[in-house]
N, C-alpha and C. Protein backbone atom coordinates (compact mmCIF):
# COMPACT_ATOMS: atom_id res chain seq x y z
N MET A 1 6.92 -4.63 1.31
CA MET A 1 5.95 -4.72 0.25
C MET A 1 6.34 -5.80 -0.75
N ILE A 2 7.63 -5.95 -0.97
CA ILE A 2 8.09 -6.95 -1.92
C ILE A 2 7.81 -8.36 -1.40
N GLU A 3 7.82 -8.53 -0.09
CA GLU A 3 7.55 -9.84 0.51
C GLU A 3 6.15 -10.36 0.21
N LEU A 4 5.24 -9.48 -0.11
CA LEU A 4 3.84 -9.83 -0.32
C LEU A 4 3.70 -11.01 -1.27
N ASP A 5 4.46 -11.01 -2.35
CA ASP A 5 4.33 -12.07 -3.35
C ASP A 5 4.90 -13.40 -2.89
N SER A 6 5.85 -13.37 -1.98
CA SER A 6 6.47 -14.62 -1.52
C SER A 6 5.61 -15.37 -0.51
N LYS A 7 4.64 -14.69 0.07
CA LYS A 7 3.74 -15.34 1.03
C LYS A 7 2.69 -16.15 0.28
N THR A 8 2.36 -17.32 0.79
CA THR A 8 1.44 -18.20 0.08
C THR A 8 0.03 -18.22 0.66
N THR A 9 -0.11 -17.76 1.88
CA THR A 9 -1.44 -17.78 2.50
C THR A 9 -2.00 -16.36 2.58
N PRO A 10 -3.33 -16.24 2.61
CA PRO A 10 -3.91 -14.91 2.79
C PRO A 10 -3.42 -14.23 4.07
N GLN A 11 -3.29 -15.00 5.15
CA GLN A 11 -2.84 -14.42 6.41
C GLN A 11 -1.41 -13.89 6.28
N GLY A 12 -0.56 -14.61 5.58
CA GLY A 12 0.82 -14.18 5.37
C GLY A 12 0.89 -12.90 4.57
N LYS A 13 0.06 -12.81 3.54
CA LYS A 13 0.03 -11.61 2.70
C LYS A 13 -0.50 -10.41 3.49
N ILE A 14 -1.54 -10.62 4.27
CA ILE A 14 -2.07 -9.55 5.11
C ILE A 14 -1.01 -9.11 6.12
N HIS A 15 -0.30 -10.07 6.68
CA HIS A 15 0.77 -9.75 7.63
C HIS A 15 1.83 -8.87 6.97
N SER A 16 2.18 -9.15 5.73
CA SER A 16 3.17 -8.34 5.01
C SER A 16 2.67 -6.91 4.83
N ILE A 17 1.40 -6.75 4.51
CA ILE A 17 0.82 -5.42 4.35
C ILE A 17 0.88 -4.67 5.68
N MET A 18 0.54 -5.35 6.77
CA MET A 18 0.54 -4.70 8.07
C MET A 18 1.96 -4.35 8.53
N GLU A 19 2.94 -5.16 8.17
CA GLU A 19 4.34 -4.84 8.48
C GLU A 19 4.77 -3.61 7.71
N CYS A 20 4.40 -3.54 6.44
CA CYS A 20 4.72 -2.37 5.62
C CYS A 20 4.09 -1.12 6.22
N LYS A 21 2.86 -1.24 6.66
CA LYS A 21 2.13 -0.13 7.29
C LYS A 21 2.89 0.38 8.51
N LYS A 22 3.41 -0.56 9.30
CA LYS A 22 4.15 -0.20 10.50
C LYS A 22 5.44 0.56 10.14
N TYR A 23 6.14 0.10 9.10
CA TYR A 23 7.37 0.78 8.67
C TYR A 23 7.07 2.18 8.14
N ILE A 24 5.99 2.33 7.40
CA ILE A 24 5.62 3.65 6.88
C ILE A 24 5.29 4.59 8.03
N GLU A 25 4.50 4.12 8.98
CA GLU A 25 4.15 4.95 10.14
C GLU A 25 5.39 5.35 10.94
N ASP A 26 6.31 4.41 11.11
CA ASP A 26 7.55 4.72 11.83
C ASP A 26 8.35 5.79 11.09
N ALA A 27 8.43 5.68 9.78
CA ALA A 27 9.16 6.66 8.98
C ALA A 27 8.50 8.03 9.07
N LEU A 28 7.18 8.06 9.02
CA LEU A 28 6.47 9.34 9.13
C LEU A 28 6.68 9.98 10.50
N ARG A 29 6.66 9.16 11.55
CA ARG A 29 6.87 9.68 12.90
C ARG A 29 8.28 10.23 13.07
N THR A 30 9.25 9.54 12.48
CA THR A 30 10.65 9.94 12.58
C THR A 30 10.89 11.26 11.86
N SER A 31 10.21 11.45 10.72
CA SER A 31 10.47 12.64 9.92
C SER A 31 9.82 13.90 10.48
N SER A 32 8.74 13.76 11.23
CA SER A 32 8.10 14.94 11.81
C SER A 32 7.15 14.53 12.93
N ASP A 33 6.73 15.50 13.69
CA ASP A 33 5.80 15.26 14.80
C ASP A 33 4.38 15.50 14.32
N ILE A 34 3.90 14.63 13.47
CA ILE A 34 2.54 14.77 12.94
C ILE A 34 1.68 13.64 13.46
N THR A 35 0.39 13.88 13.44
CA THR A 35 -0.56 12.81 13.71
C THR A 35 -0.76 12.08 12.39
N ILE A 36 -0.49 10.81 12.39
CA ILE A 36 -0.57 10.05 11.15
C ILE A 36 -2.03 9.77 10.83
N ASN A 37 -2.44 10.23 9.66
CA ASN A 37 -3.79 9.97 9.16
C ASN A 37 -3.69 9.70 7.67
N ALA A 38 -4.82 9.51 7.02
CA ALA A 38 -4.83 9.15 5.60
C ALA A 38 -4.17 10.22 4.73
N ASP A 39 -4.23 11.49 5.15
CA ASP A 39 -3.60 12.56 4.37
C ASP A 39 -2.10 12.39 4.28
N TYR A 40 -1.50 11.77 5.26
CA TYR A 40 -0.06 11.53 5.25
C TYR A 40 0.27 10.10 4.83
N PHE A 41 -0.56 9.15 5.26
CA PHE A 41 -0.25 7.75 5.02
C PHE A 41 -0.37 7.37 3.54
N LEU A 42 -1.46 7.75 2.89
CA LEU A 42 -1.69 7.31 1.51
C LEU A 42 -0.59 7.80 0.56
N PRO A 43 -0.18 9.07 0.62
CA PRO A 43 0.93 9.47 -0.27
C PRO A 43 2.22 8.70 0.02
N ALA A 44 2.48 8.41 1.28
CA ALA A 44 3.67 7.63 1.62
C ALA A 44 3.56 6.22 1.07
N LEU A 45 2.38 5.63 1.15
CA LEU A 45 2.17 4.29 0.60
C LEU A 45 2.33 4.30 -0.91
N ILE A 46 1.82 5.32 -1.58
CA ILE A 46 1.99 5.43 -3.03
C ILE A 46 3.47 5.47 -3.37
N TYR A 47 4.22 6.26 -2.62
CA TYR A 47 5.67 6.35 -2.84
C TYR A 47 6.34 4.99 -2.66
N VAL A 48 5.99 4.29 -1.59
CA VAL A 48 6.59 2.98 -1.32
C VAL A 48 6.27 2.00 -2.45
N VAL A 49 5.03 1.99 -2.91
CA VAL A 49 4.65 1.08 -4.00
C VAL A 49 5.44 1.43 -5.27
N LEU A 50 5.56 2.72 -5.57
CA LEU A 50 6.32 3.12 -6.76
C LEU A 50 7.79 2.71 -6.67
N LYS A 51 8.39 2.91 -5.51
CA LYS A 51 9.80 2.57 -5.34
C LYS A 51 10.04 1.06 -5.27
N ALA A 52 9.14 0.33 -4.63
CA ALA A 52 9.34 -1.11 -4.43
C ALA A 52 9.04 -1.91 -5.69
N LYS A 53 8.08 -1.44 -6.47
CA LYS A 53 7.65 -2.18 -7.66
C LYS A 53 7.39 -3.65 -7.33
N PRO A 54 6.49 -3.91 -6.39
CA PRO A 54 6.27 -5.30 -5.97
C PRO A 54 5.75 -6.16 -7.12
N PRO A 55 6.30 -7.35 -7.26
CA PRO A 55 5.85 -8.24 -8.35
C PRO A 55 4.42 -8.73 -8.12
N ARG A 56 3.69 -8.87 -9.20
CA ARG A 56 2.33 -9.42 -9.20
C ARG A 56 1.41 -8.77 -8.16
N LEU A 57 1.54 -7.47 -8.00
CA LEU A 57 0.76 -6.75 -6.99
C LEU A 57 -0.74 -6.86 -7.27
N HIS A 58 -1.13 -6.71 -8.54
CA HIS A 58 -2.55 -6.81 -8.87
C HIS A 58 -3.13 -8.17 -8.50
N SER A 59 -2.42 -9.22 -8.87
CA SER A 59 -2.94 -10.56 -8.58
C SER A 59 -2.96 -10.84 -7.08
N ASN A 60 -2.01 -10.29 -6.34
CA ASN A 60 -2.01 -10.46 -4.88
C ASN A 60 -3.19 -9.74 -4.25
N ILE A 61 -3.50 -8.54 -4.73
CA ILE A 61 -4.66 -7.81 -4.20
C ILE A 61 -5.94 -8.56 -4.54
N GLN A 62 -6.06 -9.08 -5.76
CA GLN A 62 -7.24 -9.85 -6.14
C GLN A 62 -7.35 -11.12 -5.31
N PHE A 63 -6.23 -11.79 -5.09
CA PHE A 63 -6.21 -12.99 -4.26
C PHE A 63 -6.76 -12.68 -2.87
N LEU A 64 -6.27 -11.58 -2.29
CA LEU A 64 -6.73 -11.20 -0.96
C LEU A 64 -8.20 -10.81 -0.97
N SER A 65 -8.65 -10.17 -2.02
CA SER A 65 -10.06 -9.77 -2.12
C SER A 65 -10.98 -10.99 -2.16
N HIS A 66 -10.50 -12.05 -2.77
CA HIS A 66 -11.34 -13.24 -2.92
C HIS A 66 -11.20 -14.26 -1.79
N PHE A 67 -10.00 -14.37 -1.22
CA PHE A 67 -9.75 -15.48 -0.31
C PHE A 67 -9.39 -15.11 1.13
N SER A 68 -9.46 -13.83 1.46
CA SER A 68 -9.15 -13.47 2.84
C SER A 68 -10.37 -12.83 3.50
N GLN A 69 -10.34 -12.83 4.80
CA GLN A 69 -11.38 -12.18 5.59
C GLN A 69 -10.69 -11.28 6.60
N PRO A 70 -10.14 -10.16 6.09
CA PRO A 70 -9.39 -9.28 7.00
C PRO A 70 -10.30 -8.60 8.01
N SER A 71 -9.71 -8.30 9.16
CA SER A 71 -10.43 -7.57 10.20
C SER A 71 -10.53 -6.10 9.81
N GLY A 72 -11.13 -5.28 10.65
CA GLY A 72 -11.34 -3.87 10.36
C GLY A 72 -10.08 -3.12 9.97
N GLU A 73 -9.04 -3.19 10.79
CA GLU A 73 -7.81 -2.47 10.48
C GLU A 73 -7.11 -3.07 9.27
N GLN A 74 -7.10 -4.39 9.17
CA GLN A 74 -6.48 -5.04 8.02
C GLN A 74 -7.22 -4.68 6.73
N LEU A 75 -8.53 -4.66 6.80
CA LEU A 75 -9.34 -4.29 5.64
C LEU A 75 -9.06 -2.85 5.22
N TYR A 76 -8.91 -1.98 6.19
CA TYR A 76 -8.61 -0.57 5.91
C TYR A 76 -7.31 -0.44 5.14
N TYR A 77 -6.26 -1.13 5.57
CA TYR A 77 -4.95 -1.00 4.91
C TYR A 77 -4.92 -1.75 3.58
N LEU A 78 -5.69 -2.81 3.44
CA LEU A 78 -5.82 -3.46 2.13
C LEU A 78 -6.52 -2.50 1.16
N ALA A 79 -7.54 -1.80 1.62
CA ALA A 79 -8.22 -0.81 0.78
C ALA A 79 -7.28 0.34 0.43
N ASN A 80 -6.42 0.75 1.35
CA ASN A 80 -5.43 1.78 1.06
C ASN A 80 -4.46 1.32 -0.01
N LEU A 81 -4.02 0.08 0.07
CA LEU A 81 -3.11 -0.45 -0.94
C LEU A 81 -3.79 -0.48 -2.30
N ASP A 82 -5.04 -0.92 -2.34
CA ASP A 82 -5.79 -0.93 -3.59
C ASP A 82 -5.95 0.49 -4.13
N SER A 83 -6.22 1.44 -3.26
CA SER A 83 -6.35 2.84 -3.68
C SER A 83 -5.04 3.38 -4.23
N ALA A 84 -3.94 3.04 -3.60
CA ALA A 84 -2.63 3.49 -4.07
C ALA A 84 -2.35 2.96 -5.48
N VAL A 85 -2.66 1.69 -5.69
CA VAL A 85 -2.44 1.08 -7.01
C VAL A 85 -3.34 1.73 -8.06
N ARG A 86 -4.58 1.95 -7.73
CA ARG A 86 -5.49 2.60 -8.68
C ARG A 86 -5.06 4.03 -8.99
N PHE A 87 -4.56 4.75 -7.99
CA PHE A 87 -4.06 6.10 -8.21
C PHE A 87 -2.87 6.07 -9.18
N ILE A 88 -1.95 5.16 -8.95
CA ILE A 88 -0.77 5.04 -9.80
C ILE A 88 -1.17 4.70 -11.23
N GLU A 89 -2.14 3.80 -11.38
CA GLU A 89 -2.59 3.41 -12.72
C GLU A 89 -3.20 4.58 -13.48
N SER A 90 -3.90 5.45 -12.80
CA SER A 90 -4.59 6.54 -13.48
C SER A 90 -3.73 7.81 -13.58
N LEU A 91 -2.56 7.79 -13.00
CA LEU A 91 -1.71 8.97 -12.98
C LEU A 91 -1.20 9.31 -14.37
N GLN A 92 -1.29 10.59 -14.70
CA GLN A 92 -0.78 11.10 -15.98
C GLN A 92 0.10 12.30 -15.69
N ALA A 93 0.99 12.58 -16.62
CA ALA A 93 1.93 13.68 -16.45
C ALA A 93 1.23 14.99 -16.16
N GLU A 94 0.11 15.24 -16.82
CA GLU A 94 -0.62 16.50 -16.63
C GLU A 94 -1.11 16.66 -15.19
N HIS A 95 -1.41 15.55 -14.53
CA HIS A 95 -1.87 15.62 -13.14
C HIS A 95 -0.80 16.19 -12.22
N LEU A 96 0.44 16.02 -12.61
CA LEU A 96 1.56 16.49 -11.80
C LEU A 96 2.14 17.80 -12.32
N GLY A 97 1.48 18.37 -13.32
CA GLY A 97 1.95 19.62 -13.89
C GLY A 97 3.18 19.44 -14.77
N LEU A 98 3.36 18.22 -15.30
CA LEU A 98 4.51 17.92 -16.16
C LEU A 98 4.05 17.79 -17.61
N SER A 99 4.96 18.01 -18.52
CA SER A 99 4.62 17.77 -19.92
C SER A 99 4.75 16.27 -20.20
N SER A 100 4.06 15.81 -21.21
CA SER A 100 4.12 14.39 -21.54
C SER A 100 5.49 14.02 -22.03
């Protein structure tokens, strides 16, 4: 995920997202015998984004939104990344049952 900012082309950035997706799926498969779907993938992606703290993530997502033409699967994972970022932005302590 951190590599995303170092890539200069839309294709390179999309490739970084797809590599991250592959690592997340591998980790999920290793940890249990589950069928990987959005119920498992999105929380794992949120965790990865929180831990990685990728630089300029917002601008990279906007760059890809404006200058790339991802295919179906690539578009799906770009949308997942955008969803993860939006979830993190709107997250509040009360949502997690924590005090402020």
